[in-house]
Amino acid sequence: MQPTLKELTYLVLQAGEILRRAYGQRHQINHKGIIDLVTEVDHQSEAYLVGEIRRRYPNHRILAEESGNWSGQECCQWYIDPLDGTVNFAHGVPFFSVSIAYQEEGQLRLGAVYDPLRQELFAAERGCGAWLNNVPIYVSSIPELDQSLLVTGFPYDIRNRTDNNLDNYARFSMRSQGVRRLGSAALDLCYVAAGRFDGYWEMSVNPWDVAAGGLIAQEAGAVVTRIDGDPDFLKPPPSILAANPFIHPHMLRLLKEKQPAS
């Protein structure tokens, strides 16, 4: 027996309720890095999701942000981000989500992302399309980079790496109508899927950050690749570029351009 999209949406709705009830309260905040946070709510949401998946599908593999790898059959892989946007959540910024994806035989098949404060449920099934609250969604049709609104993110070790995306942020800011940084990769991808953004890129991501949102964007008509153009955006080390079919080649070209010597 394999999971259904109905099951995934049920799970993200229940986990989202855990986040919604805890939002705005004081939290136990620990640091995985200088600017990489985790709260007790991350753990509560993940414990619920892992517990439910293990109960329903005990032989499936799970990759979860906080607890790591759970062993199982290679053919059946889950990706869980119990709270995407923890820094926002911890600071009371109302932009975060729960993200779940299911992969079968190496291909993403189901994805669901839920924003509990806006009660926006994004979902997709391979070959069947993408939806926001059961209404079909599609990427934008903006044809030129100069007319586009983009979104990006930055690595948690931004202070210690040279490829920290700041140069790309500057270049895209000069070539588009604007570049936003909102703090939830899963929602960034869903916003591309819904046509709210025309393109999204990030240099360094984790599989649980982008698995569900990447599928949702693809099913809404986006071209989704690594930043080097490789279509396997979950291949280590993961990176992502998602955009409508008109914008994607322009963004890819700009990302591939040799950087000027400093």
Protein backbone atom coordinates (compact mmCIF):
# COMPACT_ATOMS: atom_id res chain seq x y z
CA MET A 1 0.00 0.00 0.00
CA GLN A 2 1.28 3.44 -0.97
CA PRO A 3 0.35 6.86 0.47
CA THR A 4 -2.17 9.15 -1.17
CA LEU A 5 -2.19 12.91 -1.52
CA LYS A 6 -5.17 12.96 0.82
CA GLU A 7 -2.99 11.41 3.52
CA LEU A 8 -0.19 13.91 3.00
CA THR A 9 -2.55 16.85 3.20
CA TYR A 10 -4.08 15.47 6.39
CA LEU A 11 -0.63 15.14 7.96
CA VAL A 12 0.51 18.68 7.09
CA LEU A 13 -2.79 20.12 8.34
CA GLN A 14 -2.41 18.38 11.69
CA ALA A 15 1.25 19.39 12.04
CA GLY A 16 0.34 22.91 10.99
CA GLU A 17 -2.15 23.08 13.83
CA ILE A 18 0.72 22.32 16.25
CA LEU A 19 2.58 25.32 14.84
CA ARG A 20 -0.48 27.58 14.82
CA ARG A 21 -1.29 26.91 18.48
CA ALA A 22 2.31 27.58 19.53
CA TYR A 23 2.84 30.70 17.42
CA GLY A 24 3.37 33.91 19.37
CA GLN A 25 4.30 32.16 22.62
CA ARG A 26 7.70 32.00 24.30
CA HIS A 27 9.83 29.12 23.05
CA GLN A 28 12.81 27.02 24.01
CA ILE A 29 15.35 28.08 21.41
CA ASN A 30 18.54 26.15 20.74
CA HIS A 31 21.25 26.91 18.20
CA LYS A 32 22.44 24.37 15.62
CA GLY A 33 24.68 27.14 14.29
CA ILE A 34 25.21 30.85 14.84
CA ILE A 35 22.00 31.74 13.00
CA ASP A 36 20.46 28.24 12.63
CA LEU A 37 17.74 27.81 15.24
CA VAL A 38 15.54 24.97 16.43
CA THR A 39 12.64 25.21 18.88
CA GLU A 40 10.66 22.68 20.88
CA VAL A 41 7.86 23.17 18.33
CA ASP A 42 10.09 21.88 15.50
CA HIS A 43 10.54 18.71 17.54
CA GLN A 44 6.84 18.41 18.42
CA SER A 45 5.77 18.75 14.81
CA GLU A 46 8.41 16.30 13.61
CA ALA A 47 7.57 13.75 16.32
CA TYR A 48 3.95 13.80 15.20
CA LEU A 49 4.80 13.41 11.49
CA VAL A 50 7.43 10.71 11.93
CA GLY A 51 5.20 8.82 14.35
CA GLU A 52 2.24 8.84 11.97
CA ILE A 53 4.31 7.81 8.95
CA ARG A 54 6.06 5.01 10.86
CA ARG A 55 2.71 3.78 12.13
CA ARG A 56 1.15 3.74 8.66
CA TYR A 57 4.21 2.75 6.64
CA PRO A 58 6.75 1.10 8.98
CA ASN A 59 8.98 -0.09 6.12
CA HIS A 60 9.38 3.31 4.46
CA ARG A 61 12.49 5.46 4.70
CA ILE A 62 12.23 8.95 6.18
CA LEU A 63 14.60 11.90 6.00
CA ALA A 64 13.55 14.49 8.58
CA GLU A 65 15.27 17.76 9.36
CA GLU A 66 15.77 17.29 13.09
CA SER A 67 16.02 13.52 13.57
CA GLY A 68 17.79 12.65 10.33
CA ASN A 69 17.49 9.32 8.52
CA TRP A 70 15.00 6.61 9.46
CA SER A 71 15.86 3.32 7.79
CA GLY A 72 13.51 1.52 5.43
CA GLN A 73 13.03 0.35 1.87
CA GLU A 74 14.98 2.39 -0.68
CA CYS A 75 12.00 2.50 -3.03
CA CYS A 76 9.86 4.50 -0.61
CA GLN A 77 11.33 7.75 0.71
CA TRP A 78 9.71 10.57 2.71
CA TYR A 79 11.10 14.09 3.19
CA ILE A 80 9.90 16.05 6.23
CA ASP A 81 10.45 19.66 7.22
CA PRO A 82 8.35 20.07 10.37
CA LEU A 83 8.81 23.84 10.53
CA ASP A 84 10.29 25.57 7.51
CA GLY A 85 11.05 29.11 8.60
CA THR A 86 12.10 28.49 12.21
CA VAL A 87 13.90 31.83 12.50
CA ASN A 88 10.71 33.62 11.42
CA PHE A 89 8.63 31.54 13.83
CA ALA A 90 10.98 32.17 16.76
CA HIS A 91 10.87 35.94 16.14
CA GLY A 92 7.11 36.10 15.67
CA VAL A 93 7.31 36.73 11.93
CA PRO A 94 4.19 35.15 10.36
CA PHE A 95 5.82 33.32 7.45
CA PHE A 96 6.56 29.62 7.94
CA SER A 97 5.22 26.24 6.88
CA VAL A 98 5.14 22.46 7.20
CA SER A 99 6.46 20.49 4.22
CA ILE A 100 6.13 16.78 3.34
CA ALA A 101 7.10 14.95 0.16
CA TYR A 102 6.93 11.30 -0.84
CA GLN A 103 9.32 9.80 -3.38
CA GLU A 104 8.86 6.41 -5.06
CA GLU A 105 11.56 4.59 -7.03
CA GLY A 106 13.67 7.75 -7.11
CA GLN A 107 10.91 10.06 -8.39
CA LEU A 108 8.98 12.57 -6.34
CA ARG A 109 5.33 11.56 -6.48
CA LEU A 110 3.45 13.55 -3.81
CA GLY A 111 4.04 16.88 -2.08
CA ALA A 112 2.18 19.08 0.39
CA VAL A 113 3.11 22.40 2.02
CA TYR A 114 0.89 24.15 4.55
CA ASP A 115 0.98 27.73 5.82
CA PRO A 116 -1.08 27.47 9.02
CA LEU A 117 -1.51 31.20 9.63
CA ARG A 118 -2.90 31.93 6.17
CA GLN A 119 -4.55 28.51 6.00
CA GLU A 120 -3.03 27.98 2.57
CA LEU A 121 -2.56 24.34 1.59
CA PHE A 122 -0.39 23.75 -1.48
CA ALA A 123 -0.34 20.23 -2.89
CA ALA A 124 0.68 18.29 -5.97
CA GLU A 125 0.71 14.79 -7.41
CA ARG A 126 3.08 13.78 -10.18
CA GLY A 127 1.33 14.07 -13.53
CA CYS A 128 -1.90 15.42 -12.05
CA GLY A 129 -1.22 19.11 -11.39
CA ALA A 130 -0.86 21.41 -8.40
CA TRP A 131 -3.45 23.08 -6.19
CA LEU A 132 -3.90 25.78 -3.58
CA ASN A 133 -6.80 24.91 -1.29
CA ASN A 134 -8.08 22.50 -3.99
CA VAL A 135 -8.00 25.17 -6.74
CA PRO A 136 -5.53 24.53 -9.61
CA ILE A 137 -2.51 26.84 -9.70
CA TYR A 138 -0.11 27.77 -12.48
CA VAL A 139 3.13 29.68 -12.82
CA SER A 140 3.21 33.21 -14.19
CA SER A 141 3.64 34.05 -17.85
CA ILE A 142 6.02 36.98 -17.36
CA PRO A 143 8.38 36.71 -20.36
CA GLU A 144 11.33 38.91 -19.41
CA LEU A 145 13.68 39.04 -16.45
CA ASP A 146 13.31 42.84 -16.28
CA GLN A 147 9.57 42.37 -15.59
CA SER A 148 10.01 39.63 -12.99
CA LEU A 149 9.70 39.51 -9.21
CA LEU A 150 12.15 37.01 -7.73
CA VAL A 151 12.83 35.41 -4.37
CA THR A 152 15.93 33.82 -2.88
CA GLY A 153 17.52 32.61 0.33
CA PHE A 154 20.94 32.51 1.94
CA PRO A 155 22.93 29.73 3.64
CA TYR A 156 23.10 29.52 7.41
CA ASP A 157 26.90 29.69 7.19
CA ILE A 158 26.75 32.90 5.14
CA ARG A 159 29.48 34.49 7.26
CA ASN A 160 32.02 31.77 6.53
CA ARG A 161 31.66 30.98 2.82
CA THR A 162 32.54 32.83 -0.35
CA ASP A 163 29.63 31.43 -2.41
CA ASN A 164 27.10 33.00 -0.04
CA ASN A 165 24.76 34.24 -2.81
CA LEU A 166 25.22 37.92 -2.05
CA ASP A 167 26.76 38.56 -5.48
CA ASN A 168 23.80 36.89 -7.21
CA TYR A 169 21.38 38.83 -5.06
CA ALA A 170 22.98 42.07 -6.24
CA ARG A 171 23.01 41.05 -9.91
CA PHE A 172 19.40 39.85 -9.96
CA SER A 173 18.31 42.97 -8.10
CA MET A 174 19.73 45.02 -10.96
CA ARG A 175 18.04 42.88 -13.62
CA SER A 176 14.53 42.39 -12.17
CA GLN A 177 11.71 44.37 -10.55
CA GLY A 178 12.93 43.16 -7.19
CA VAL A 179 14.29 40.26 -5.16
CA ARG A 180 12.64 39.20 -1.91
CA ARG A 181 14.02 37.08 0.93
CA LEU A 182 11.15 35.66 3.01
CA GLY A 183 12.73 32.80 4.95
CA SER A 184 10.84 29.64 3.93
CA ALA A 185 12.15 27.76 0.89
CA ALA A 186 9.03 25.58 0.76
CA LEU A 187 6.73 28.60 0.55
CA ASP A 188 9.06 30.37 -1.88
CA LEU A 189 8.59 27.46 -4.28
CA CYS A 190 4.84 27.39 -3.72
CA TYR A 191 4.66 31.10 -4.45
CA VAL A 192 6.42 30.45 -7.76
CA ALA A 193 3.87 27.71 -8.40
CA ALA A 194 1.02 30.12 -7.72
CA GLY A 195 2.48 32.85 -9.94
CA ARG A 196 3.18 35.20 -7.04
CA PHE A 197 6.90 35.06 -7.83
CA ASP A 198 8.33 34.47 -11.28
CA GLY A 199 11.51 32.75 -10.14
CA TYR A 200 13.39 31.46 -7.11
CA TRP A 201 16.96 30.33 -6.63
CA GLU A 202 19.09 29.27 -3.70
CA MET A 203 22.69 28.11 -3.68
CA SER A 204 22.56 25.72 -0.74
CA VAL A 205 19.46 23.87 0.41
CA ASN A 206 18.54 20.57 2.03
CA PRO A 207 16.30 17.93 0.45
CA TRP A 208 13.59 18.43 3.06
CA ASP A 209 13.53 22.17 2.27
CA VAL A 210 12.65 21.78 -1.40
CA ALA A 211 11.30 18.29 -2.15
CA ALA A 212 7.60 19.08 -1.73
CA GLY A 213 7.77 22.64 -3.02
CA GLY A 214 9.86 21.57 -5.99
CA LEU A 215 7.25 19.04 -7.08
CA ILE A 216 4.44 21.55 -6.55
CA ALA A 217 6.26 24.11 -8.69
CA GLN A 218 6.92 21.53 -11.43
CA GLU A 219 3.29 20.44 -11.52
CA ALA A 220 2.22 24.09 -11.77
CA GLY A 221 4.37 24.48 -14.89
CA ALA A 222 7.72 25.68 -13.52
CA VAL A 223 11.07 24.49 -14.76
CA VAL A 224 12.90 23.24 -11.65
CA THR A 225 16.61 22.38 -11.72
CA ARG A 226 19.80 22.80 -9.77
CA ILE A 227 21.51 26.16 -10.28
CA ASP A 228 23.78 24.48 -12.84
CA GLY A 229 20.77 23.30 -14.87
CA ASP A 230 20.81 19.65 -13.72
CA PRO A 231 17.16 18.52 -13.44
CA ASP A 232 17.92 16.40 -10.34
CA PHE A 233 17.62 19.19 -7.79
CA LEU A 234 17.82 16.76 -4.85
CA LYS A 235 21.22 15.41 -5.92
CA PRO A 236 23.91 16.23 -3.32
CA PRO A 237 24.84 18.94 -2.73
CA PRO A 238 21.34 20.24 -3.49
CA SER A 239 20.73 23.67 -4.96
CA ILE A 240 17.64 24.97 -6.72
CA LEU A 241 16.41 27.19 -9.50
CA ALA A 242 12.66 27.28 -10.14
CA ALA A 243 11.00 29.68 -12.55
CA ASN A 244 8.38 29.93 -15.23
CA PRO A 245 9.58 28.52 -18.58
CA PHE A 246 10.34 31.99 -19.98
CA ILE A 247 12.39 33.25 -17.04
CA HIS A 248 14.28 30.06 -16.20
CA PRO A 249 16.81 30.17 -19.07
CA HIS A 250 17.59 33.84 -18.34
CA MET A 251 18.15 33.11 -14.65
CA LEU A 252 20.25 30.04 -15.45
CA ARG A 253 22.43 32.05 -17.82
CA LEU A 254 23.02 34.75 -15.22
CA LEU A 255 23.87 32.18 -12.54
CA LYS A 256 26.38 30.52 -14.86
CA GLU A 257 28.14 33.74 -15.81
CA LYS A 258 31.72 33.96 -14.62
CA GLN A 259 31.93 36.29 -11.68
CA PRO A 260 34.20 39.33 -12.12
CA ALA A 261 37.40 39.25 -10.10
CA SER A 262 37.13 41.28 -6.90
